[in-house]
Amino acid sequence: MDLTDRYQALARGALLVAESAEDAYRLGALDRFLKPWVRDGLHSLSGLLDSCDTSRQLAEDTRALAHTAARYSELREQLFSDVCHTRPEPPWRLVGTTMAIRAQSGVLLPQPTFVLRRLADGSDVPGAATWDFTVIANPSDPADEGTSFVVMVSTGDHAGGAPVQVSKELERQRAWYQQLEYGFYALGITPFLTAIYDPDRHRKRANDDGYGG
């Protein structure tokens, strides 16, 4: 078996690891986020052999392929446990560098699952990156597509955090809005969510008579 065949065998093995985790730890509505993510990653890594020039590059690429599959399996186990077990509040779980998920225990009462993910670069506008924030009411149901909100994050330099613009509907859902902040922090982004830090700004504007009173 030559190197190309061995590398492709590794790629098939990595996919088997992912599929085995999907069978063992069923996550319902989260699969529409997780399955494409891991398959895109494995597909990209499986093509790196063509650009390998040294044994060290080969070692790094094979390690990355194996690590991606293993980390995905561990992530699914963690999320499954977050939903199905009673224990202290679980954290936001990172899915690569541009997506995070918080699954809450549904043992004692139904609780939503939150997904925050960066959309493709083509979705951006000048000066802002586009994110999607999805709240899934019944995460065990594969048919539950959740409630999604577009979130715009400034890409400029801001000393006090990156301004985040959301719809008024999301601002009114205070618990969800707070989770959005936590999700950004988990991803290493310091957000500035105006309605959290200045909740009376709308009332101030309405009461302003133009004389500063």
N, C-alpha and C. Protein backbone atom coordinates (compact mmCIF):
# COMPACT_ATOMS: atom_id res chain seq x y z
N MET A 1 0.86 -1.20 0.00
CA MET A 1 0.00 0.00 0.00
C MET A 1 0.89 1.25 0.00
N ASP A 2 0.71 2.14 -0.99
CA ASP A 2 1.56 3.33 -1.04
C ASP A 2 1.02 4.40 -0.09
N LEU A 3 1.74 5.53 -0.02
CA LEU A 3 1.41 6.58 0.93
C LEU A 3 0.01 7.16 0.66
N THR A 4 -0.34 7.33 -0.59
CA THR A 4 -1.66 7.88 -0.90
C THR A 4 -2.77 6.98 -0.38
N ASP A 5 -2.63 5.69 -0.58
CA ASP A 5 -3.64 4.75 -0.10
C ASP A 5 -3.71 4.75 1.43
N ARG A 6 -2.55 4.83 2.05
CA ARG A 6 -2.53 4.84 3.52
C ARG A 6 -3.18 6.10 4.07
N TYR A 7 -2.92 7.22 3.41
CA TYR A 7 -3.51 8.49 3.85
C TYR A 7 -5.02 8.47 3.69
N GLN A 8 -5.49 7.94 2.58
CA GLN A 8 -6.93 7.85 2.37
C GLN A 8 -7.58 6.88 3.34
N ALA A 9 -6.84 5.83 3.71
CA ALA A 9 -7.34 4.90 4.72
C ALA A 9 -7.49 5.63 6.07
N LEU A 10 -6.53 6.50 6.37
CA LEU A 10 -6.63 7.30 7.59
C LEU A 10 -7.85 8.21 7.53
N ALA A 11 -8.09 8.83 6.37
CA ALA A 11 -9.24 9.71 6.22
C ALA A 11 -10.55 8.94 6.41
N ARG A 12 -10.61 7.74 5.86
CA ARG A 12 -11.82 6.91 6.05
C ARG A 12 -11.97 6.51 7.52
N GLY A 13 -10.85 6.24 8.18
CA GLY A 13 -10.91 5.90 9.60
C GLY A 13 -11.39 7.07 10.43
N ALA A 14 -10.93 8.28 10.08
CA ALA A 14 -11.38 9.47 10.81
C ALA A 14 -12.88 9.67 10.65
N LEU A 15 -13.39 9.44 9.43
CA LEU A 15 -14.83 9.55 9.21
C LEU A 15 -15.58 8.49 10.00
N LEU A 16 -15.01 7.30 10.12
CA LEU A 16 -15.64 6.24 10.92
C LEU A 16 -15.73 6.65 12.38
N VAL A 17 -14.68 7.30 12.89
CA VAL A 17 -14.72 7.80 14.27
C VAL A 17 -15.88 8.78 14.44
N ALA A 18 -16.02 9.70 13.48
CA ALA A 18 -17.10 10.68 13.55
C ALA A 18 -18.48 10.01 13.48
N GLU A 19 -18.64 9.10 12.56
CA GLU A 19 -19.93 8.42 12.41
C GLU A 19 -20.27 7.58 13.63
N SER A 20 -19.27 6.95 14.21
CA SER A 20 -19.51 6.15 15.42
C SER A 20 -19.98 7.03 16.57
N ALA A 21 -19.37 8.22 16.69
CA ALA A 21 -19.80 9.15 17.74
C ALA A 21 -21.22 9.63 17.50
N GLU A 22 -21.58 9.83 16.24
CA GLU A 22 -22.94 10.28 15.92
C GLU A 22 -23.97 9.21 16.26
N ASP A 23 -23.61 7.95 16.08
CA ASP A 23 -24.51 6.86 16.44
C ASP A 23 -24.62 6.71 17.96
N ALA A 24 -23.51 6.91 18.65
CA ALA A 24 -23.48 6.69 20.10
C ALA A 24 -24.09 7.85 20.88
N TYR A 25 -23.86 9.07 20.40
CA TYR A 25 -24.31 10.27 21.13
C TYR A 25 -25.22 11.08 20.21
N ARG A 26 -26.48 10.73 20.23
CA ARG A 26 -27.44 11.37 19.33
C ARG A 26 -27.83 12.74 19.88
N LEU A 27 -27.74 13.76 19.00
CA LEU A 27 -27.93 15.13 19.45
C LEU A 27 -29.05 15.86 18.72
N GLY A 28 -29.90 15.12 18.03
CA GLY A 28 -31.11 15.71 17.47
C GLY A 28 -30.86 16.93 16.60
N ALA A 29 -31.40 18.06 17.03
CA ALA A 29 -31.37 19.28 16.22
C ALA A 29 -29.96 19.82 16.01
N LEU A 30 -29.02 19.44 16.84
CA LEU A 30 -27.65 19.95 16.68
C LEU A 30 -26.92 19.33 15.49
N ASP A 31 -27.42 18.23 14.99
CA ASP A 31 -26.73 17.56 13.89
C ASP A 31 -26.63 18.42 12.64
N ARG A 32 -27.58 19.29 12.42
CA ARG A 32 -27.51 20.11 11.21
C ARG A 32 -26.38 21.13 11.29
N PHE A 33 -25.86 21.36 12.49
CA PHE A 33 -24.68 22.21 12.64
C PHE A 33 -23.40 21.38 12.69
N LEU A 34 -23.45 20.28 13.41
CA LEU A 34 -22.23 19.53 13.69
C LEU A 34 -21.79 18.63 12.53
N LYS A 35 -22.71 17.94 11.92
CA LYS A 35 -22.32 17.00 10.85
C LYS A 35 -21.65 17.70 9.68
N PRO A 36 -22.21 18.79 9.16
CA PRO A 36 -21.50 19.47 8.06
C PRO A 36 -20.15 20.02 8.49
N TRP A 37 -20.07 20.50 9.73
CA TRP A 37 -18.81 21.08 10.21
C TRP A 37 -17.69 20.04 10.21
N VAL A 38 -17.95 18.86 10.77
CA VAL A 38 -16.87 17.87 10.85
C VAL A 38 -16.53 17.30 9.48
N ARG A 39 -17.52 17.12 8.62
CA ARG A 39 -17.24 16.58 7.29
C ARG A 39 -16.47 17.57 6.43
N ASP A 40 -16.79 18.85 6.56
CA ASP A 40 -16.01 19.85 5.82
C ASP A 40 -14.56 19.86 6.29
N GLY A 41 -14.38 19.74 7.61
CA GLY A 41 -13.03 19.73 8.15
C GLY A 41 -12.23 18.52 7.72
N LEU A 42 -12.84 17.35 7.80
CA LEU A 42 -12.15 16.13 7.39
C LEU A 42 -11.86 16.12 5.90
N HIS A 43 -12.79 16.66 5.11
CA HIS A 43 -12.56 16.72 3.66
C HIS A 43 -11.37 17.62 3.34
N SER A 44 -11.29 18.76 4.00
CA SER A 44 -10.17 19.66 3.77
C SER A 44 -8.84 19.03 4.16
N LEU A 45 -8.83 18.34 5.31
CA LEU A 45 -7.60 17.72 5.78
C LEU A 45 -7.20 16.53 4.92
N SER A 46 -8.17 15.86 4.37
CA SER A 46 -7.85 14.68 3.55
C SER A 46 -7.17 15.06 2.24
N GLY A 47 -7.25 16.32 1.86
CA GLY A 47 -6.61 16.76 0.63
C GLY A 47 -5.24 17.37 0.81
N LEU A 48 -4.75 17.41 2.06
CA LEU A 48 -3.47 18.04 2.33
C LEU A 48 -2.27 17.23 1.86
N LEU A 49 -2.48 15.96 1.61
CA LEU A 49 -1.35 15.13 1.18
C LEU A 49 -0.69 15.69 -0.08
N ASP A 50 -1.48 16.27 -0.95
CA ASP A 50 -0.94 16.78 -2.22
C ASP A 50 0.07 17.90 -2.01
N SER A 51 -0.03 18.58 -0.86
CA SER A 51 0.88 19.70 -0.60
C SER A 51 1.97 19.36 0.41
N CYS A 52 2.06 18.10 0.80
CA CYS A 52 3.09 17.68 1.75
C CYS A 52 4.44 17.57 1.03
N ASP A 53 5.43 18.29 1.54
CA ASP A 53 6.77 18.24 0.94
C ASP A 53 7.79 17.56 1.85
N THR A 54 7.47 17.47 3.14
CA THR A 54 8.43 16.88 4.08
C THR A 54 7.72 15.90 5.00
N SER A 55 8.52 15.08 5.67
CA SER A 55 7.95 14.13 6.63
C SER A 55 7.31 14.84 7.81
N ARG A 56 7.83 16.00 8.17
CA ARG A 56 7.24 16.76 9.28
C ARG A 56 5.86 17.28 8.90
N GLN A 57 5.72 17.76 7.68
CA GLN A 57 4.40 18.19 7.24
C GLN A 57 3.41 17.03 7.24
N LEU A 58 3.87 15.89 6.79
CA LEU A 58 3.01 14.71 6.79
C LEU A 58 2.59 14.36 8.22
N ALA A 59 3.54 14.43 9.15
CA ALA A 59 3.22 14.11 10.54
C ALA A 59 2.19 15.09 11.10
N GLU A 60 2.34 16.38 10.76
CA GLU A 60 1.39 17.38 11.25
C GLU A 60 0.00 17.18 10.65
N ASP A 61 -0.04 16.88 9.36
CA ASP A 61 -1.34 16.71 8.70
C ASP A 61 -2.07 15.46 9.17
N THR A 62 -1.35 14.37 9.34
CA THR A 62 -2.01 13.15 9.82
C THR A 62 -2.48 13.33 11.26
N ARG A 63 -1.68 14.05 12.05
CA ARG A 63 -2.09 14.30 13.43
C ARG A 63 -3.34 15.17 13.47
N ALA A 64 -3.39 16.18 12.60
CA ALA A 64 -4.56 17.06 12.55
C ALA A 64 -5.81 16.28 12.16
N LEU A 65 -5.67 15.37 11.23
CA LEU A 65 -6.81 14.55 10.79
C LEU A 65 -7.31 13.67 11.92
N ALA A 66 -6.39 13.02 12.60
CA ALA A 66 -6.78 12.14 13.71
C ALA A 66 -7.35 12.96 14.86
N HIS A 67 -6.75 14.12 15.14
CA HIS A 67 -7.19 14.94 16.26
C HIS A 67 -8.60 15.49 16.01
N THR A 68 -8.88 15.91 14.78
CA THR A 68 -10.20 16.45 14.47
C THR A 68 -11.29 15.42 14.73
N ALA A 69 -11.06 14.19 14.30
CA ALA A 69 -12.05 13.13 14.52
C ALA A 69 -12.21 12.83 16.00
N ALA A 70 -11.09 12.74 16.73
CA ALA A 70 -11.14 12.42 18.15
C ALA A 70 -11.82 13.54 18.94
N ARG A 71 -11.49 14.79 18.60
CA ARG A 71 -12.08 15.93 19.30
C ARG A 71 -13.59 15.99 19.04
N TYR A 72 -14.00 15.68 17.83
CA TYR A 72 -15.43 15.68 17.50
C TYR A 72 -16.16 14.62 18.32
N SER A 73 -15.56 13.46 18.45
CA SER A 73 -16.17 12.40 19.25
C SER A 73 -16.32 12.83 20.71
N GLU A 74 -15.28 13.45 21.24
CA GLU A 74 -15.32 13.93 22.63
C GLU A 74 -16.37 15.03 22.79
N LEU A 75 -16.45 15.94 21.81
CA LEU A 75 -17.42 17.02 21.87
C LEU A 75 -18.84 16.49 21.90
N ARG A 76 -19.15 15.52 21.07
CA ARG A 76 -20.49 14.95 21.06
C ARG A 76 -20.81 14.29 22.40
N GLU A 77 -19.84 13.59 22.96
CA GLU A 77 -20.06 12.98 24.27
C GLU A 77 -20.35 14.04 25.33
N GLN A 78 -19.61 15.15 25.29
CA GLN A 78 -19.82 16.22 26.26
C GLN A 78 -21.20 16.84 26.10
N LEU A 79 -21.59 17.15 24.87
CA LEU A 79 -22.89 17.76 24.64
C LEU A 79 -24.03 16.82 25.01
N PHE A 80 -23.87 15.55 24.71
CA PHE A 80 -24.87 14.55 25.09
C PHE A 80 -25.03 14.51 26.60
N SER A 81 -23.91 14.55 27.31
CA SER A 81 -23.95 14.54 28.77
C SER A 81 -24.56 15.83 29.31
N ASP A 82 -24.26 16.96 28.66
CA ASP A 82 -24.84 18.23 29.09
C ASP A 82 -26.36 18.20 29.08
N VAL A 83 -26.93 17.57 28.06
CA VAL A 83 -28.38 17.53 27.90
C VAL A 83 -29.03 16.45 28.76
N CYS A 84 -28.38 15.32 28.90
CA CYS A 84 -29.02 14.13 29.47
C CYS A 84 -28.70 13.86 30.93
N HIS A 85 -27.78 14.60 31.51
CA HIS A 85 -27.39 14.35 32.90
C HIS A 85 -27.67 15.58 33.77
N THR A 86 -27.87 15.33 35.04
CA THR A 86 -28.05 16.41 36.01
C THR A 86 -26.72 16.66 36.70
N ARG A 87 -26.22 17.89 36.59
CA ARG A 87 -24.93 18.25 37.17
C ARG A 87 -24.81 19.77 37.13
N PRO A 88 -23.71 20.33 37.64
CA PRO A 88 -23.57 21.79 37.57
C PRO A 88 -23.71 22.31 36.14
N GLU A 89 -24.09 23.57 36.03
CA GLU A 89 -24.34 24.17 34.72
C GLU A 89 -23.16 23.96 33.78
N PRO A 90 -23.41 23.41 32.60
CA PRO A 90 -22.32 23.17 31.65
C PRO A 90 -21.86 24.47 30.99
N PRO A 91 -20.62 24.51 30.51
CA PRO A 91 -20.12 25.71 29.85
C PRO A 91 -20.50 25.73 28.38
N TRP A 92 -20.16 26.81 27.72
CA TRP A 92 -20.21 26.83 26.27
C TRP A 92 -19.12 25.92 25.74
N ARG A 93 -19.45 25.10 24.75
CA ARG A 93 -18.50 24.18 24.14
C ARG A 93 -18.03 24.75 22.80
N LEU A 94 -16.74 24.79 22.58
CA LEU A 94 -16.20 25.30 21.34
C LEU A 94 -16.25 24.25 20.25
N VAL A 95 -16.66 24.66 19.07
CA VAL A 95 -16.66 23.81 17.87
C VAL A 95 -15.73 24.50 16.88
N GLY A 96 -14.47 24.15 16.89
CA GLY A 96 -13.50 24.88 16.11
C GLY A 96 -13.30 26.27 16.67
N THR A 97 -13.07 27.23 15.80
CA THR A 97 -12.80 28.61 16.23
C THR A 97 -13.92 29.59 15.90
N THR A 98 -14.94 29.13 15.18
CA THR A 98 -15.98 30.05 14.75
C THR A 98 -17.39 29.59 15.13
N MET A 99 -17.49 28.62 16.02
CA MET A 99 -18.81 28.17 16.47
C MET A 99 -18.71 27.70 17.92
N ALA A 100 -19.76 27.98 18.68
CA ALA A 100 -19.84 27.51 20.06
C ALA A 100 -21.28 27.12 20.36
N ILE A 101 -21.43 26.14 21.26
CA ILE A 101 -22.75 25.60 21.59
C ILE A 101 -22.88 25.51 23.10
N ARG A 102 -24.04 25.90 23.60
CA ARG A 102 -24.34 25.65 25.01
C ARG A 102 -25.61 24.83 25.09
N ALA A 103 -25.45 23.58 25.54
CA ALA A 103 -26.58 22.66 25.72
C ALA A 103 -26.86 22.54 27.21
N GLN A 104 -28.08 22.77 27.60
CA GLN A 104 -28.46 22.72 29.01
C GLN A 104 -29.21 21.43 29.32
N SER A 105 -29.13 21.02 30.57
CA SER A 105 -29.77 19.78 30.98
C SER A 105 -31.29 19.88 30.82
N GLY A 106 -31.86 18.82 30.23
CA GLY A 106 -33.30 18.76 30.09
C GLY A 106 -33.92 17.67 30.94
N VAL A 107 -33.19 17.23 31.97
CA VAL A 107 -33.67 16.14 32.81
C VAL A 107 -34.85 16.58 33.67
N LEU A 108 -34.75 17.72 34.33
CA LEU A 108 -35.80 18.16 35.24
C LEU A 108 -36.85 19.03 34.55
N LEU A 109 -36.45 19.80 33.56
CA LEU A 109 -37.39 20.63 32.81
C LEU A 109 -36.76 20.97 31.47
N PRO A 110 -37.60 21.20 30.45
CA PRO A 110 -37.05 21.54 29.13
C PRO A 110 -36.30 22.86 29.18
N GLN A 111 -35.13 22.89 28.57
CA GLN A 111 -34.34 24.11 28.48
C GLN A 111 -33.76 24.23 27.06
N PRO A 112 -33.62 25.44 26.58
CA PRO A 112 -33.13 25.61 25.21
C PRO A 112 -31.63 25.35 25.09
N THR A 113 -31.22 25.05 23.87
CA THR A 113 -29.81 24.95 23.51
C THR A 113 -29.48 26.14 22.62
N PHE A 114 -28.29 26.70 22.79
CA PHE A 114 -27.88 27.89 22.05
C PHE A 114 -26.71 27.57 21.13
N VAL A 115 -26.77 28.10 19.91
CA VAL A 115 -25.70 27.91 18.94
C VAL A 115 -25.30 29.27 18.39
N LEU A 116 -24.02 29.60 18.51
CA LEU A 116 -23.49 30.85 17.97
C LEU A 116 -22.42 30.50 16.95
N ARG A 117 -22.58 30.98 15.73
CA ARG A 117 -21.61 30.62 14.69
C ARG A 117 -21.39 31.76 13.72
N ARG A 118 -20.17 31.84 13.28
CA ARG A 118 -19.77 32.85 12.29
C ARG A 118 -20.20 32.35 10.93
N LEU A 119 -20.88 33.21 10.17
CA LEU A 119 -21.29 32.84 8.83
C LEU A 119 -20.15 33.05 7.84
N ALA A 120 -20.32 32.54 6.64
CA ALA A 120 -19.27 32.62 5.62
C ALA A 120 -18.91 34.07 5.34
N ASP A 121 -17.66 34.27 4.90
CA ASP A 121 -17.17 35.63 4.65
C ASP A 121 -18.06 36.40 3.69
N GLY A 122 -18.69 35.72 2.77
CA GLY A 122 -19.55 36.39 1.81
C GLY A 122 -20.77 37.03 2.44
N SER A 123 -21.06 36.71 3.70
CA SER A 123 -22.21 37.28 4.39
C SER A 123 -21.87 38.59 5.10
N ASP A 124 -20.58 38.94 5.15
CA ASP A 124 -20.17 40.14 5.87
C ASP A 124 -20.56 41.41 5.10
N VAL A 125 -20.56 42.52 5.84
CA VAL A 125 -20.74 43.83 5.24
C VAL A 125 -19.53 44.67 5.64
N PRO A 126 -19.26 45.77 4.95
CA PRO A 126 -18.10 46.57 5.30
C PRO A 126 -18.10 46.99 6.77
N GLY A 127 -17.04 46.64 7.47
CA GLY A 127 -16.90 47.03 8.87
C GLY A 127 -17.56 46.11 9.87
N ALA A 128 -18.19 45.04 9.42
CA ALA A 128 -18.89 44.15 10.36
C ALA A 128 -18.90 42.72 9.86
N ALA A 129 -18.78 41.80 10.80
CA ALA A 129 -18.87 40.37 10.51
C ALA A 129 -20.27 39.88 10.86
N THR A 130 -20.77 38.93 10.09
CA THR A 130 -22.13 38.42 10.29
C THR A 130 -22.09 37.09 11.03
N TRP A 131 -22.86 37.01 12.10
CA TRP A 131 -22.98 35.80 12.90
C TRP A 131 -24.44 35.36 12.93
N ASP A 132 -24.64 34.10 13.26
CA ASP A 132 -25.98 33.55 13.44
C ASP A 132 -26.10 33.03 14.87
N PHE A 133 -27.15 33.45 15.56
CA PHE A 133 -27.42 32.99 16.93
C PHE A 133 -28.75 32.25 16.90
N THR A 134 -28.70 30.94 17.19
CA THR A 134 -29.89 30.10 17.10
C THR A 134 -30.26 29.57 18.49
N VAL A 135 -31.53 29.67 18.81
CA VAL A 135 -32.06 29.15 20.07
C VAL A 135 -32.98 27.99 19.74
N ILE A 136 -32.63 26.80 20.23
CA ILE A 136 -33.39 25.59 19.91
C ILE A 136 -34.19 25.18 21.15
N ALA A 137 -35.51 25.26 21.05
CA ALA A 137 -36.37 24.98 22.20
C ALA A 137 -36.39 23.51 22.55
N ASN A 138 -36.39 22.64 21.54
CA ASN A 138 -36.45 21.19 21.76
C ASN A 138 -35.27 20.53 21.06
N PRO A 139 -34.09 20.58 21.67
CA PRO A 139 -32.88 20.11 20.98
C PRO A 139 -32.88 18.62 20.65
N SER A 140 -33.68 17.82 21.34
CA SER A 140 -33.71 16.39 21.04
C SER A 140 -34.48 16.06 19.77
N ASP A 141 -35.23 17.03 19.26
CA ASP A 141 -36.04 16.83 18.05
C ASP A 141 -35.24 17.26 16.81
N PRO A 142 -34.87 16.34 15.94
CA PRO A 142 -34.10 16.72 14.74
C PRO A 142 -34.83 17.72 13.85
N ALA A 143 -36.16 17.77 13.96
CA ALA A 143 -36.94 18.67 13.11
C ALA A 143 -37.02 20.09 13.64
N ASP A 144 -36.55 20.31 14.87
CA ASP A 144 -36.61 21.65 15.47
C ASP A 144 -35.48 22.50 14.89
N GLU A 145 -35.82 23.46 14.03
CA GLU A 145 -34.82 24.32 13.41
C GLU A 145 -34.48 25.52 14.27
N GLY A 146 -35.20 25.69 15.37
CA GLY A 146 -34.91 26.77 16.30
C GLY A 146 -35.32 28.13 15.80
N THR A 147 -35.03 29.14 16.60
CA THR A 147 -35.27 30.53 16.26
C THR A 147 -33.92 31.19 16.04
N SER A 148 -33.70 31.72 14.85
CA SER A 148 -32.39 32.26 14.49
C SER A 148 -32.43 33.78 14.40
N PHE A 149 -31.33 34.39 14.81
CA PHE A 149 -31.18 35.84 14.77
C PHE A 149 -29.86 36.18 14.07
N VAL A 150 -29.90 37.19 13.23
CA VAL A 150 -28.68 37.71 12.62
C VAL A 150 -28.01 38.66 13.60
N VAL A 151 -26.72 38.48 13.78
CA VAL A 151 -25.95 39.29 14.73
C VAL A 151 -24.79 39.92 13.97
N MET A 152 -24.67 41.24 14.03
CA MET A 152 -23.59 41.96 13.35
C MET A 152 -22.57 42.42 14.39
N VAL A 153 -21.30 42.08 14.15
CA VAL A 153 -20.23 42.41 15.09
C VAL A 153 -19.21 43.30 14.38
N SER A 154 -18.94 44.46 14.96
CA SER A 154 -17.99 45.39 14.36
C SER A 154 -16.61 44.75 14.30
N THR A 155 -15.92 44.97 13.19
CA THR A 155 -14.59 44.40 13.01
C THR A 155 -13.48 45.44 13.23
N GLY A 156 -13.85 46.65 13.63
CA GLY A 156 -12.85 47.68 13.89
C GLY A 156 -12.19 47.49 15.25
N ASP A 157 -11.28 48.39 15.59
CA ASP A 157 -10.62 48.37 16.89
C ASP A 157 -11.46 49.14 17.89
N HIS A 158 -11.84 48.46 18.98
CA HIS A 158 -12.68 49.08 20.01
C HIS A 158 -12.13 48.70 21.38
N ALA A 159 -11.70 49.71 22.13
CA ALA A 159 -11.07 49.46 23.43
C ALA A 159 -12.02 48.80 24.42
N GLY A 160 -13.29 49.15 24.36
CA GLY A 160 -14.24 48.62 25.34
C GLY A 160 -14.99 47.39 24.88
N GLY A 161 -14.56 46.76 23.81
CA GLY A 161 -15.25 45.60 23.28
C GLY A 161 -15.88 45.90 21.93
N ALA A 162 -16.10 44.87 21.15
CA ALA A 162 -16.67 45.03 19.82
C ALA A 162 -18.18 45.26 19.90
N PRO A 163 -18.69 46.38 19.38
CA PRO A 163 -20.13 46.61 19.39
C PRO A 163 -20.87 45.51 18.63
N VAL A 164 -21.97 45.06 19.22
CA VAL A 164 -22.77 43.98 18.65
C VAL A 164 -24.18 44.51 18.40
N GLN A 165 -24.65 44.35 17.17
CA GLN A 165 -25.98 44.83 16.81
C GLN A 165 -26.90 43.64 16.59
N VAL A 166 -28.05 43.66 17.28
CA VAL A 166 -29.04 42.59 17.14
C VAL A 166 -30.42 43.22 16.97
N SER A 167 -31.39 42.37 16.70
CA SER A 167 -32.76 42.85 16.55
C SER A 167 -33.36 43.19 17.91
N LYS A 168 -34.37 44.04 17.88
CA LYS A 168 -35.07 44.39 19.13
C LYS A 168 -35.73 43.15 19.73
N GLU A 169 -36.15 42.23 18.88
CA GLU A 169 -36.77 40.99 19.37
C GLU A 169 -35.81 40.22 20.27
N LEU A 170 -34.54 40.11 19.86
CA LEU A 170 -33.57 39.41 20.69
C LEU A 170 -33.25 40.20 21.95
N GLU A 171 -33.19 41.51 21.87
CA GLU A 171 -32.93 42.33 23.05
C GLU A 171 -34.00 42.11 24.11
N ARG A 172 -35.24 41.91 23.66
CA ARG A 172 -36.33 41.71 24.62
C ARG A 172 -36.26 40.36 25.30
N GLN A 173 -35.62 39.38 24.68
CA GLN A 173 -35.45 38.07 25.30
C GLN A 173 -34.17 38.12 26.15
N ARG A 174 -34.30 38.62 27.36
CA ARG A 174 -33.12 38.97 28.14
C ARG A 174 -32.21 37.78 28.44
N ALA A 175 -32.79 36.62 28.75
CA ALA A 175 -31.97 35.45 29.06
C ALA A 175 -31.19 35.00 27.82
N TRP A 176 -31.83 35.05 26.67
CA TRP A 176 -31.14 34.68 25.42
C TRP A 176 -30.06 35.69 25.09
N TYR A 177 -30.38 36.95 25.29
CA TYR A 177 -29.43 38.02 24.99
C TYR A 177 -28.17 37.89 25.84
N GLN A 178 -28.36 37.53 27.10
CA GLN A 178 -27.21 37.33 27.99
C GLN A 178 -26.38 36.14 27.53
N GLN A 179 -27.03 35.07 27.07
CA GLN A 179 -26.30 33.91 26.59
C GLN A 179 -25.46 34.26 25.35
N LEU A 180 -25.97 35.16 24.53
CA LEU A 180 -25.21 35.62 23.37
C LEU A 180 -23.88 36.21 23.82
N GLU A 181 -23.92 37.02 24.85
CA GLU A 181 -22.69 37.61 25.38
C GLU A 181 -21.71 36.52 25.84
N TYR A 182 -22.23 35.55 26.59
CA TYR A 182 -21.36 34.47 27.09
C TYR A 182 -20.76 33.68 25.93
N GLY A 183 -21.54 33.48 24.88
CA GLY A 183 -21.04 32.74 23.73
C GLY A 183 -19.86 33.43 23.08
N PHE A 184 -19.94 34.75 22.94
CA PHE A 184 -18.82 35.49 22.35
C PHE A 184 -17.58 35.41 23.24
N TYR A 185 -17.78 35.53 24.53
CA TYR A 185 -16.64 35.42 25.43
C TYR A 185 -15.97 34.05 25.30
N ALA A 186 -16.77 33.00 25.16
CA ALA A 186 -16.22 31.65 25.02
C ALA A 186 -15.35 31.55 23.76
N LEU A 187 -15.70 32.30 22.72
CA LEU A 187 -14.97 32.28 21.46
C LEU A 187 -13.79 33.25 21.46
N GLY A 188 -13.54 33.89 22.60
CA GLY A 188 -12.41 34.81 22.69
C GLY A 188 -12.70 36.21 22.18
N ILE A 189 -13.97 36.55 22.04
CA ILE A 189 -14.36 37.87 21.56
C ILE A 189 -15.01 38.64 22.70
N THR A 190 -14.52 39.85 22.96
CA THR A 190 -15.12 40.70 23.99
C THR A 190 -16.20 41.56 23.33
N PRO A 191 -17.47 41.26 23.60
CA PRO A 191 -18.55 42.00 22.94
C PRO A 191 -19.01 43.20 23.78
N PHE A 192 -19.59 44.17 23.11
CA PHE A 192 -20.27 45.25 23.81
C PHE A 192 -21.72 45.23 23.37
N LEU A 193 -22.59 44.73 24.25
CA LEU A 193 -24.01 44.63 23.96
C LEU A 193 -24.71 45.77 24.67
N THR A 194 -25.14 46.75 23.90
CA THR A 194 -25.62 48.00 24.46
C THR A 194 -26.80 47.80 25.41
N ALA A 195 -27.72 46.93 25.07
CA ALA A 195 -28.92 46.78 25.88
C ALA A 195 -28.64 46.13 27.23
N ILE A 196 -27.48 45.50 27.37
CA ILE A 196 -27.11 44.94 28.67
C ILE A 196 -26.47 46.02 29.54
N TYR A 197 -25.57 46.81 28.96
CA TYR A 197 -24.82 47.77 29.74
C TYR A 197 -25.50 49.12 29.86
N ASP A 198 -26.48 49.41 29.01
CA ASP A 198 -27.24 50.65 29.10
C ASP A 198 -28.70 50.34 28.79
N PRO A 199 -29.36 49.57 29.67
CA PRO A 199 -30.71 49.07 29.36
C PRO A 199 -31.77 50.16 29.24
N ASP A 200 -31.52 51.38 29.77
CA ASP A 200 -32.53 52.42 29.74
C ASP A 200 -32.32 53.41 28.60
N ARG A 201 -31.47 53.07 27.63
CA ARG A 201 -31.13 54.04 26.61
C ARG A 201 -32.35 54.47 25.79
N HIS A 202 -33.28 53.52 25.53
CA HIS A 202 -34.46 53.88 24.74
C HIS A 202 -35.34 54.87 25.51
N ARG A 203 -35.47 54.64 26.82
CA ARG A 203 -36.29 55.53 27.63
C ARG A 203 -35.65 56.91 27.72
N LYS A 204 -34.32 56.93 27.83
CA LYS A 204 -33.61 58.21 27.89
C LYS A 204 -33.84 59.01 26.63
N ARG A 205 -33.79 58.34 25.49
CA ARG A 205 -33.99 59.03 24.21
C ARG A 205 -35.41 59.58 24.12
N ALA A 206 -36.38 58.78 24.59
CA ALA A 206 -37.78 59.19 24.51
C ALA A 206 -38.06 60.39 25.43
N ASN A 207 -37.36 60.46 26.57
CA ASN A 207 -37.61 61.52 27.55
C ASN A 207 -36.79 62.77 27.29
N ASP A 208 -35.87 62.69 26.35
CA ASP A 208 -35.02 63.83 26.07
C ASP A 208 -35.82 64.92 25.35
N ASP A 209 -35.95 66.08 25.99
CA ASP A 209 -36.78 67.15 25.40
C ASP A 209 -35.96 68.10 24.55
N GLY A 210 -34.68 67.76 24.36
CA GLY A 210 -33.85 68.60 23.50
C GLY A 210 -33.10 69.66 24.26
N TYR A 211 -33.37 69.78 25.60
CA TYR A 211 -32.69 70.78 26.41
C TYR A 211 -31.76 70.15 27.45
N GLY A 212 -31.55 68.83 27.28
CA GLY A 212 -30.65 68.13 28.21
C GLY A 212 -31.28 67.81 29.53
N GLY A 213 -32.61 68.04 29.67
CA GLY A 213 -33.28 67.79 30.93
C GLY A 213 -33.81 66.39 31.04
